[in-house]
PDB file of all heavy atoms in Angstrom:
ATOM      1  N   GLN A   1       2.969  -6.723 -11.627  1.00  0.00           N
ATOM      2  CA  GLN A   1       4.077  -7.126 -12.488  1.00  0.00           C
ATOM      3  C   GLN A   1       4.185  -8.649 -12.532  1.00  0.00           C
ATOM      4  O   GLN A   1       3.799  -9.355 -11.601  1.00  0.00           O
ATOM      5  CB  GLN A   1       5.390  -6.550 -11.946  1.00  0.00           C
ATOM      6  CG  GLN A   1       5.482  -5.034 -11.998  1.00  0.00           C
ATOM      7  CD  GLN A   1       5.998  -4.524 -13.323  1.00  0.00           C
ATOM      8  OE1 GLN A   1       6.934  -5.063 -13.899  1.00  0.00           O
ATOM      9  NE2 GLN A   1       5.377  -3.455 -13.817  1.00  0.00           N
ATOM     10  N   SER A   2       4.750  -9.167 -13.618  1.00  0.00           N
ATOM     11  CA  SER A   2       4.956 -10.607 -13.726  1.00  0.00           C
ATOM     12  C   SER A   2       5.972 -11.106 -12.695  1.00  0.00           C
ATOM     13  O   SER A   2       5.883 -12.246 -12.226  1.00  0.00           O
ATOM     14  CB  SER A   2       5.433 -10.962 -15.137  1.00  0.00           C
ATOM     15  OG  SER A   2       6.651 -10.290 -15.437  1.00  0.00           O
ATOM     16  N   PHE A   3       6.929 -10.275 -12.326  1.00  0.00           N
ATOM     17  CA  PHE A   3       7.888 -10.610 -11.280  1.00  0.00           C
ATOM     18  C   PHE A   3       7.216 -10.365  -9.934  1.00  0.00           C
ATOM     19  O   PHE A   3       6.790  -9.245  -9.632  1.00  0.00           O
ATOM     20  CB  PHE A   3       9.141  -9.742 -11.420  1.00  0.00           C
ATOM     21  CG  PHE A   3      10.221 -10.050 -10.413  1.00  0.00           C
ATOM     22  CD1 PHE A   3      11.120 -11.075 -10.649  1.00  0.00           C
ATOM     23  CD2 PHE A   3      10.333  -9.314  -9.242  1.00  0.00           C
ATOM     24  CE1 PHE A   3      12.113 -11.365  -9.733  1.00  0.00           C
ATOM     25  CE2 PHE A   3      11.326  -9.596  -8.318  1.00  0.00           C
ATOM     26  CZ  PHE A   3      12.217 -10.629  -8.562  1.00  0.00           C
ATOM     27  N   ARG A   4       7.110 -11.398  -9.110  1.00  0.00           N
ATOM     28  CA  ARG A   4       6.285 -11.325  -7.905  1.00  0.00           C
ATOM     29  C   ARG A   4       7.083 -11.162  -6.614  1.00  0.00           C
ATOM     30  O   ARG A   4       6.511 -10.812  -5.583  1.00  0.00           O
ATOM     31  CB  ARG A   4       5.450 -12.614  -7.787  1.00  0.00           C
ATOM     32  CG  ARG A   4       4.626 -12.953  -9.020  1.00  0.00           C
ATOM     33  CD  ARG A   4       3.444 -12.048  -9.166  1.00  0.00           C
ATOM     34  NE  ARG A   4       2.477 -12.224  -8.073  1.00  0.00           N
ATOM     35  CZ  ARG A   4       1.406 -11.452  -7.914  1.00  0.00           C
ATOM     36  NH1 ARG A   4       1.179 -10.457  -8.760  1.00  0.00           N
ATOM     37  NH2 ARG A   4       0.576 -11.660  -6.912  1.00  0.00           N
ATOM     38  N   ASP A   5       8.386 -11.412  -6.652  1.00  0.00           N
ATOM     39  CA  ASP A   5       9.197 -11.397  -5.433  1.00  0.00           C
ATOM     40  C   ASP A   5       9.586  -9.966  -5.086  1.00  0.00           C
ATOM     41  O   ASP A   5      10.736  -9.544  -5.233  1.00  0.00           O
ATOM     42  CB  ASP A   5      10.430 -12.268  -5.614  1.00  0.00           C
ATOM     43  CG  ASP A   5      11.213 -12.439  -4.317  1.00  0.00           C
ATOM     44  OD1 ASP A   5      10.669 -12.100  -3.248  1.00  0.00           O
ATOM     45  OD2 ASP A   5      12.369 -12.908  -4.376  1.00  0.00           O
ATOM     46  N   VAL A   6       8.609  -9.200  -4.629  1.00  0.00           N
ATOM     47  CA  VAL A   6       8.816  -7.789  -4.336  1.00  0.00           C
ATOM     48  C   VAL A   6       7.981  -7.395  -3.132  1.00  0.00           C
ATOM     49  O   VAL A   6       6.891  -7.941  -2.904  1.00  0.00           O
ATOM     50  CB  VAL A   6       8.437  -6.914  -5.561  1.00  0.00           C
ATOM     51  CG1 VAL A   6       6.965  -7.075  -5.906  1.00  0.00           C
ATOM     52  CG2 VAL A   6       8.766  -5.447  -5.311  1.00  0.00           C
ATOM     53  N   GLU A   7       8.509  -6.494  -2.329  1.00  0.00           N
ATOM     54  CA  GLU A   7       7.749  -5.884  -1.241  1.00  0.00           C
ATOM     55  C   GLU A   7       7.652  -4.400  -1.537  1.00  0.00           C
ATOM     56  O   GLU A   7       8.655  -3.741  -1.825  1.00  0.00           O
ATOM     57  CB  GLU A   7       8.446  -6.094   0.099  1.00  0.00           C
ATOM     58  CG  GLU A   7       7.757  -5.386   1.262  1.00  0.00           C
ATOM     59  CD  GLU A   7       8.524  -5.489   2.570  1.00  0.00           C
ATOM     60  OE1 GLU A   7       9.489  -4.713   2.759  1.00  0.00           O
ATOM     61  OE2 GLU A   7       8.166  -6.362   3.385  1.00  0.00           O
ATOM     62  N   LEU A   8       6.440  -3.861  -1.470  1.00  0.00           N
ATOM     63  CA  LEU A   8       6.232  -2.431  -1.655  1.00  0.00           C
ATOM     64  C   LEU A   8       5.971  -1.831  -0.279  1.00  0.00           C
ATOM     65  O   LEU A   8       4.931  -2.059   0.328  1.00  0.00           O
ATOM     66  CB  LEU A   8       5.058  -2.160  -2.587  1.00  0.00           C
ATOM     67  CG  LEU A   8       4.703  -0.683  -2.810  1.00  0.00           C
ATOM     68  CD1 LEU A   8       5.905   0.106  -3.309  1.00  0.00           C
ATOM     69  CD2 LEU A   8       3.537  -0.549  -3.784  1.00  0.00           C
ATOM     70  N   LEU A   9       6.940  -1.085   0.216  1.00  0.00           N
ATOM     71  CA  LEU A   9       6.841  -0.466   1.529  1.00  0.00           C
ATOM     72  C   LEU A   9       6.377   0.978   1.351  1.00  0.00           C
ATOM     73  O   LEU A   9       7.066   1.795   0.731  1.00  0.00           O
ATOM     74  CB  LEU A   9       8.199  -0.502   2.229  1.00  0.00           C
ATOM     75  CG  LEU A   9       8.298   0.148   3.605  1.00  0.00           C
ATOM     76  CD1 LEU A   9       7.327  -0.499   4.584  1.00  0.00           C
ATOM     77  CD2 LEU A   9       9.715   0.050   4.128  1.00  0.00           C
ATOM     78  N   ALA A  10       5.190   1.298   1.868  1.00  0.00           N
ATOM     79  CA  ALA A  10       4.614   2.635   1.738  1.00  0.00           C
ATOM     80  C   ALA A  10       4.603   3.301   3.107  1.00  0.00           C
ATOM     81  O   ALA A  10       4.074   2.745   4.077  1.00  0.00           O
ATOM     82  CB  ALA A  10       3.201   2.557   1.173  1.00  0.00           C
ATOM     83  N   VAL A  11       5.182   4.488   3.191  1.00  0.00           N
ATOM     84  CA  VAL A  11       5.171   5.270   4.424  1.00  0.00           C
ATOM     85  C   VAL A  11       4.094   6.337   4.296  1.00  0.00           C
ATOM     86  O   VAL A  11       4.188   7.223   3.442  1.00  0.00           O
ATOM     87  CB  VAL A  11       6.548   5.916   4.691  1.00  0.00           C
ATOM     88  CG1 VAL A  11       6.476   6.831   5.909  1.00  0.00           C
ATOM     89  CG2 VAL A  11       7.607   4.838   4.884  1.00  0.00           C
ATOM     90  N   ASP A  12       3.069   6.234   5.127  1.00  0.00           N
ATOM     91  CA  ASP A  12       2.020   7.252   5.176  1.00  0.00           C
ATOM     92  C   ASP A  12       2.538   8.396   6.039  1.00  0.00           C
ATOM     93  O   ASP A  12       2.610   8.292   7.263  1.00  0.00           O
ATOM     94  CB  ASP A  12       0.742   6.654   5.765  1.00  0.00           C
ATOM     95  CG  ASP A  12      -0.271   7.722   6.170  1.00  0.00           C
ATOM     96  OD1 ASP A  12      -0.235   8.817   5.572  1.00  0.00           O
ATOM     97  OD2 ASP A  12      -1.072   7.459   7.093  1.00  0.00           O
ATOM     98  N   ASN A  13       2.902   9.505   5.386  1.00  0.00           N
ATOM     99  CA  ASN A  13       3.484  10.643   6.091  1.00  0.00           C
ATOM    100  C   ASN A  13       2.383  11.523   6.688  1.00  0.00           C
ATOM    101  O   ASN A  13       2.281  12.718   6.396  1.00  0.00           O
ATOM    102  CB  ASN A  13       4.361  11.441   5.116  1.00  0.00           C
ATOM    103  CG  ASN A  13       5.305  12.401   5.827  1.00  0.00           C
ATOM    104  OD1 ASN A  13       5.420  12.390   7.045  1.00  0.00           O
ATOM    105  ND2 ASN A  13       5.974  13.239   5.046  1.00  0.00           N
ATOM    106  N   ALA A  14       1.552  10.885   7.530  1.00  0.00           N
ATOM    107  CA  ALA A  14       0.422  11.577   8.171  1.00  0.00           C
ATOM    108  C   ALA A  14      -0.396  12.342   7.144  1.00  0.00           C
ATOM    109  O   ALA A  14      -0.786  13.495   7.364  1.00  0.00           O
ATOM    110  CB  ALA A  14       0.921  12.509   9.285  1.00  0.00           C
ATOM    111  N   SER A  15      -0.692  11.689   6.026  1.00  0.00           N
ATOM    112  CA  SER A  15      -1.399  12.350   4.937  1.00  0.00           C
ATOM    113  C   SER A  15      -2.813  12.719   5.362  1.00  0.00           C
ATOM    114  O   SER A  15      -3.549  11.877   5.896  1.00  0.00           O
ATOM    115  CB  SER A  15      -1.446  11.430   3.710  1.00  0.00           C
ATOM    116  OG  SER A  15      -2.037  12.081   2.617  1.00  0.00           O
ATOM    117  N   PRO A  16      -3.252  13.969   5.109  1.00  0.00           N
ATOM    118  CA  PRO A  16      -4.571  14.413   5.571  1.00  0.00           C
ATOM    119  C   PRO A  16      -5.717  14.076   4.623  1.00  0.00           C
ATOM    120  O   PRO A  16      -6.866  14.406   4.913  1.00  0.00           O
ATOM    121  CB  PRO A  16      -4.394  15.936   5.673  1.00  0.00           C
ATOM    122  CG  PRO A  16      -3.408  16.263   4.597  1.00  0.00           C
ATOM    123  CD  PRO A  16      -2.458  15.086   4.541  1.00  0.00           C
ATOM    124  N   ASP A  17      -5.431  13.430   3.491  1.00  0.00           N
ATOM    125  CA  ASP A  17      -6.494  13.114   2.540  1.00  0.00           C
ATOM    126  C   ASP A  17      -6.934  11.663   2.736  1.00  0.00           C
ATOM    127  O   ASP A  17      -6.785  11.089   3.820  1.00  0.00           O
ATOM    128  CB  ASP A  17      -6.027  13.385   1.107  1.00  0.00           C
ATOM    129  CG  ASP A  17      -4.811  12.543   0.720  1.00  0.00           C
ATOM    130  OD1 ASP A  17      -4.338  11.724   1.563  1.00  0.00           O
ATOM    131  OD2 ASP A  17      -4.319  12.684  -0.409  1.00  0.00           O
ATOM    132  N   HIS A  18      -7.471  11.057   1.686  1.00  0.00           N
ATOM    133  CA  HIS A  18      -7.930   9.667   1.798  1.00  0.00           C
ATOM    134  C   HIS A  18      -6.835   8.665   1.441  1.00  0.00           C
ATOM    135  O   HIS A  18      -7.112   7.468   1.319  1.00  0.00           O
ATOM    136  CB  HIS A  18      -9.145   9.452   0.894  1.00  0.00           C
ATOM    137  CG  HIS A  18     -10.365  10.221   1.328  1.00  0.00           C
ATOM    138  ND1 HIS A  18     -11.036   9.965   2.496  1.00  0.00           N
ATOM    139  CD2 HIS A  18     -11.016  11.265   0.741  1.00  0.00           C
ATOM    140  CE1 HIS A  18     -12.053  10.793   2.615  1.00  0.00           C
ATOM    141  NE2 HIS A  18     -12.062  11.601   1.568  1.00  0.00           N
ATOM    142  N   GLY A  19      -5.613   9.129   1.295  1.00  0.00           N
ATOM    143  CA  GLY A  19      -4.518   8.237   0.976  1.00  0.00           C
ATOM    144  C   GLY A  19      -4.353   7.088   1.958  1.00  0.00           C
ATOM    145  O   GLY A  19      -4.177   5.929   1.542  1.00  0.00           O
ATOM    146  N   PRO A  20      -4.398   7.335   3.282  1.00  0.00           N
ATOM    147  CA  PRO A  20      -4.251   6.223   4.227  1.00  0.00           C
ATOM    148  C   PRO A  20      -5.308   5.134   4.050  1.00  0.00           C
ATOM    149  O   PRO A  20      -4.997   3.936   4.116  1.00  0.00           O
ATOM    150  CB  PRO A  20      -4.389   6.915   5.588  1.00  0.00           C
ATOM    151  CG  PRO A  20      -3.913   8.308   5.335  1.00  0.00           C
ATOM    152  CD  PRO A  20      -4.403   8.641   3.952  1.00  0.00           C
ATOM    153  N   GLU A  21      -6.566   5.543   3.809  1.00  0.00           N
ATOM    154  CA  GLU A  21      -7.622   4.547   3.600  1.00  0.00           C
ATOM    155  C   GLU A  21      -7.392   3.759   2.313  1.00  0.00           C
ATOM    156  O   GLU A  21      -7.614   2.537   2.268  1.00  0.00           O
ATOM    157  CB  GLU A  21      -8.986   5.231   3.549  1.00  0.00           C
ATOM    158  CG  GLU A  21      -9.460   5.781   4.879  1.00  0.00           C
ATOM    159  CD  GLU A  21      -8.892   7.168   5.187  1.00  0.00           C
ATOM    160  OE1 GLU A  21      -8.075   7.670   4.384  1.00  0.00           O
ATOM    161  OE2 GLU A  21      -9.273   7.734   6.234  1.00  0.00           O
ATOM    162  N   ILE A  22      -6.934   4.433   1.288  1.00  0.00           N
ATOM    163  CA  ILE A  22      -6.646   3.746   0.023  1.00  0.00           C
ATOM    164  C   ILE A  22      -5.527   2.732   0.222  1.00  0.00           C
ATOM    165  O   ILE A  22      -5.598   1.591  -0.270  1.00  0.00           O
ATOM    166  CB  ILE A  22      -6.285   4.770  -1.068  1.00  0.00           C
ATOM    167  CG1 ILE A  22      -7.498   5.638  -1.398  1.00  0.00           C
ATOM    168  CG2 ILE A  22      -5.780   4.074  -2.326  1.00  0.00           C
ATOM    169  CD1 ILE A  22      -7.184   6.798  -2.325  1.00  0.00           C
ATOM    170  N   LEU A  23      -4.490   3.118   0.968  1.00  0.00           N
ATOM    171  CA  LEU A  23      -3.403   2.181   1.249  1.00  0.00           C
ATOM    172  C   LEU A  23      -3.916   0.962   2.017  1.00  0.00           C
ATOM    173  O   LEU A  23      -3.506  -0.177   1.739  1.00  0.00           O
ATOM    174  CB  LEU A  23      -2.296   2.868   2.044  1.00  0.00           C
ATOM    175  CG  LEU A  23      -1.425   3.871   1.281  1.00  0.00           C
ATOM    176  CD1 LEU A  23      -0.460   4.553   2.235  1.00  0.00           C
ATOM    177  CD2 LEU A  23      -0.654   3.180   0.163  1.00  0.00           C
ATOM    178  N   ASP A  24      -4.801   1.184   2.978  1.00  0.00           N
ATOM    179  CA  ASP A  24      -5.367   0.059   3.742  1.00  0.00           C
ATOM    180  C   ASP A  24      -6.117  -0.895   2.819  1.00  0.00           C
ATOM    181  O   ASP A  24      -5.984  -2.133   2.928  1.00  0.00           O
ATOM    182  CB  ASP A  24      -6.308   0.579   4.828  1.00  0.00           C
ATOM    183  CG  ASP A  24      -5.567   1.163   6.015  1.00  0.00           C
ATOM    184  OD1 ASP A  24      -4.360   0.884   6.154  1.00  0.00           O
ATOM    185  OD2 ASP A  24      -6.192   1.918   6.792  1.00  0.00           O
ATOM    186  N   GLU A  25      -6.922  -0.332   1.920  1.00  0.00           N
ATOM    187  CA  GLU A  25      -7.688  -1.181   1.005  1.00  0.00           C
ATOM    188  C   GLU A  25      -6.762  -1.978   0.090  1.00  0.00           C
ATOM    189  O   GLU A  25      -6.992  -3.172  -0.148  1.00  0.00           O
ATOM    190  CB  GLU A  25      -8.622  -0.302   0.167  1.00  0.00           C
ATOM    191  CG  GLU A  25      -9.726   0.373   0.971  1.00  0.00           C
ATOM    192  CD  GLU A  25     -10.517   1.361   0.130  1.00  0.00           C
ATOM    193  OE1 GLU A  25     -10.232   1.452  -1.088  1.00  0.00           O
ATOM    194  OE2 GLU A  25     -11.401   2.039   0.686  1.00  0.00           O
ATOM    195  N   LEU A  26      -5.730  -1.344  -0.409  1.00  0.00           N
ATOM    196  CA  LEU A  26      -4.797  -2.030  -1.307  1.00  0.00           C
ATOM    197  C   LEU A  26      -3.992  -3.082  -0.554  1.00  0.00           C
ATOM    198  O   LEU A  26      -3.736  -4.181  -1.080  1.00  0.00           O
ATOM    199  CB  LEU A  26      -3.862  -1.006  -1.956  1.00  0.00           C
ATOM    200  CG  LEU A  26      -4.529  -0.013  -2.921  1.00  0.00           C
ATOM    201  CD1 LEU A  26      -3.557   1.109  -3.274  1.00  0.00           C
ATOM    202  CD2 LEU A  26      -4.991  -0.727  -4.188  1.00  0.00           C
ATOM    203  N   ALA A  27      -3.602  -2.787   0.677  1.00  0.00           N
ATOM    204  CA  ALA A  27      -2.832  -3.746   1.469  1.00  0.00           C
ATOM    205  C   ALA A  27      -3.657  -4.961   1.845  1.00  0.00           C
ATOM    206  O   ALA A  27      -3.137  -6.079   1.972  1.00  0.00           O
ATOM    207  CB  ALA A  27      -2.294  -3.065   2.726  1.00  0.00           C
ATOM    208  N   ALA A  28      -4.969  -4.755   2.022  1.00  0.00           N
ATOM    209  CA  ALA A  28      -5.842  -5.881   2.353  1.00  0.00           C
ATOM    210  C   ALA A  28      -5.934  -6.870   1.197  1.00  0.00           C
ATOM    211  O   ALA A  28      -6.185  -8.068   1.408  1.00  0.00           O
ATOM    212  CB  ALA A  28      -7.234  -5.368   2.727  1.00  0.00           C
ATOM    213  N   ARG A  29      -5.705  -6.400  -0.023  1.00  0.00           N
ATOM    214  CA  ARG A  29      -5.777  -7.272  -1.191  1.00  0.00           C
ATOM    215  C   ARG A  29      -4.459  -7.985  -1.470  1.00  0.00           C
ATOM    216  O   ARG A  29      -4.441  -9.035  -2.111  1.00  0.00           O
ATOM    217  CB  ARG A  29      -6.151  -6.454  -2.427  1.00  0.00           C
ATOM    218  CG  ARG A  29      -7.471  -5.717  -2.342  1.00  0.00           C
ATOM    219  CD  ARG A  29      -7.666  -4.877  -3.587  1.00  0.00           C
ATOM    220  NE  ARG A  29      -8.637  -3.813  -3.408  1.00  0.00           N
ATOM    221  CZ  ARG A  29      -8.798  -2.801  -4.230  1.00  0.00           C
ATOM    222  NH1 ARG A  29      -8.037  -2.719  -5.316  1.00  0.00           N
ATOM    223  NH2 ARG A  29      -9.709  -1.873  -3.995  1.00  0.00           N
ATOM    224  N   ASP A  30      -3.362  -7.391  -1.003  1.00  0.00           N
ATOM    225  CA  ASP A  30      -2.051  -7.964  -1.340  1.00  0.00           C
ATOM    226  C   ASP A  30      -1.093  -7.714  -0.186  1.00  0.00           C
ATOM    227  O   ASP A  30      -0.756  -6.569   0.129  1.00  0.00           O
ATOM    228  CB  ASP A  30      -1.507  -7.317  -2.625  1.00  0.00           C
ATOM    229  CG  ASP A  30      -0.347  -8.100  -3.237  1.00  0.00           C
ATOM    230  OD1 ASP A  30       0.511  -8.578  -2.462  1.00  0.00           O
ATOM    231  OD2 ASP A  30      -0.296  -8.214  -4.472  1.00  0.00           O
ATOM    232  N   GLU A  31      -0.655  -8.791   0.456  1.00  0.00           N
ATOM    233  CA  GLU A  31       0.199  -8.663   1.636  1.00  0.00           C
ATOM    234  C   GLU A  31       1.600  -8.150   1.304  1.00  0.00           C
ATOM    235  O   GLU A  31       2.366  -7.804   2.205  1.00  0.00           O
ATOM    236  CB  GLU A  31       0.310 -10.008   2.352  1.00  0.00           C
ATOM    237  CG  GLU A  31       0.970 -11.096   1.525  1.00  0.00           C
ATOM    238  CD  GLU A  31       1.019 -12.423   2.244  1.00  0.00           C
ATOM    239  OE1 GLU A  31       0.409 -12.542   3.331  1.00  0.00           O
ATOM    240  OE2 GLU A  31       1.665 -13.349   1.723  1.00  0.00           O
ATOM    241  N   ARG A  32       1.923  -8.076   0.020  1.00  0.00           N
ATOM    242  CA  ARG A  32       3.237  -7.543  -0.354  1.00  0.00           C
ATOM    243  C   ARG A  32       3.299  -6.024  -0.202  1.00  0.00           C
ATOM    244  O   ARG A  32       4.385  -5.444  -0.226  1.00  0.00           O
ATOM    245  CB  ARG A  32       3.584  -7.942  -1.784  1.00  0.00           C
ATOM    246  CG  ARG A  32       3.803  -9.452  -1.971  1.00  0.00           C
ATOM    247  CD  ARG A  32       4.021  -9.776  -3.434  1.00  0.00           C
ATOM    248  NE  ARG A  32       2.867  -9.385  -4.234  1.00  0.00           N
ATOM    249  CZ  ARG A  32       2.916  -9.143  -5.556  1.00  0.00           C
ATOM    250  NH1 ARG A  32       4.059  -9.223  -6.203  1.00  0.00           N
ATOM    251  NH2 ARG A  32       1.812  -8.799  -6.202  1.00  0.00           N
TER     252      ARG A  32
END
């Protein structure tokens, strides 16, 4: 988004799929 002052807090609810790895990859690109 053009508005940058945001934190996206994602709770991995012990997901059994590849969701946790995807979150790690996305978090590595953007500390928000």
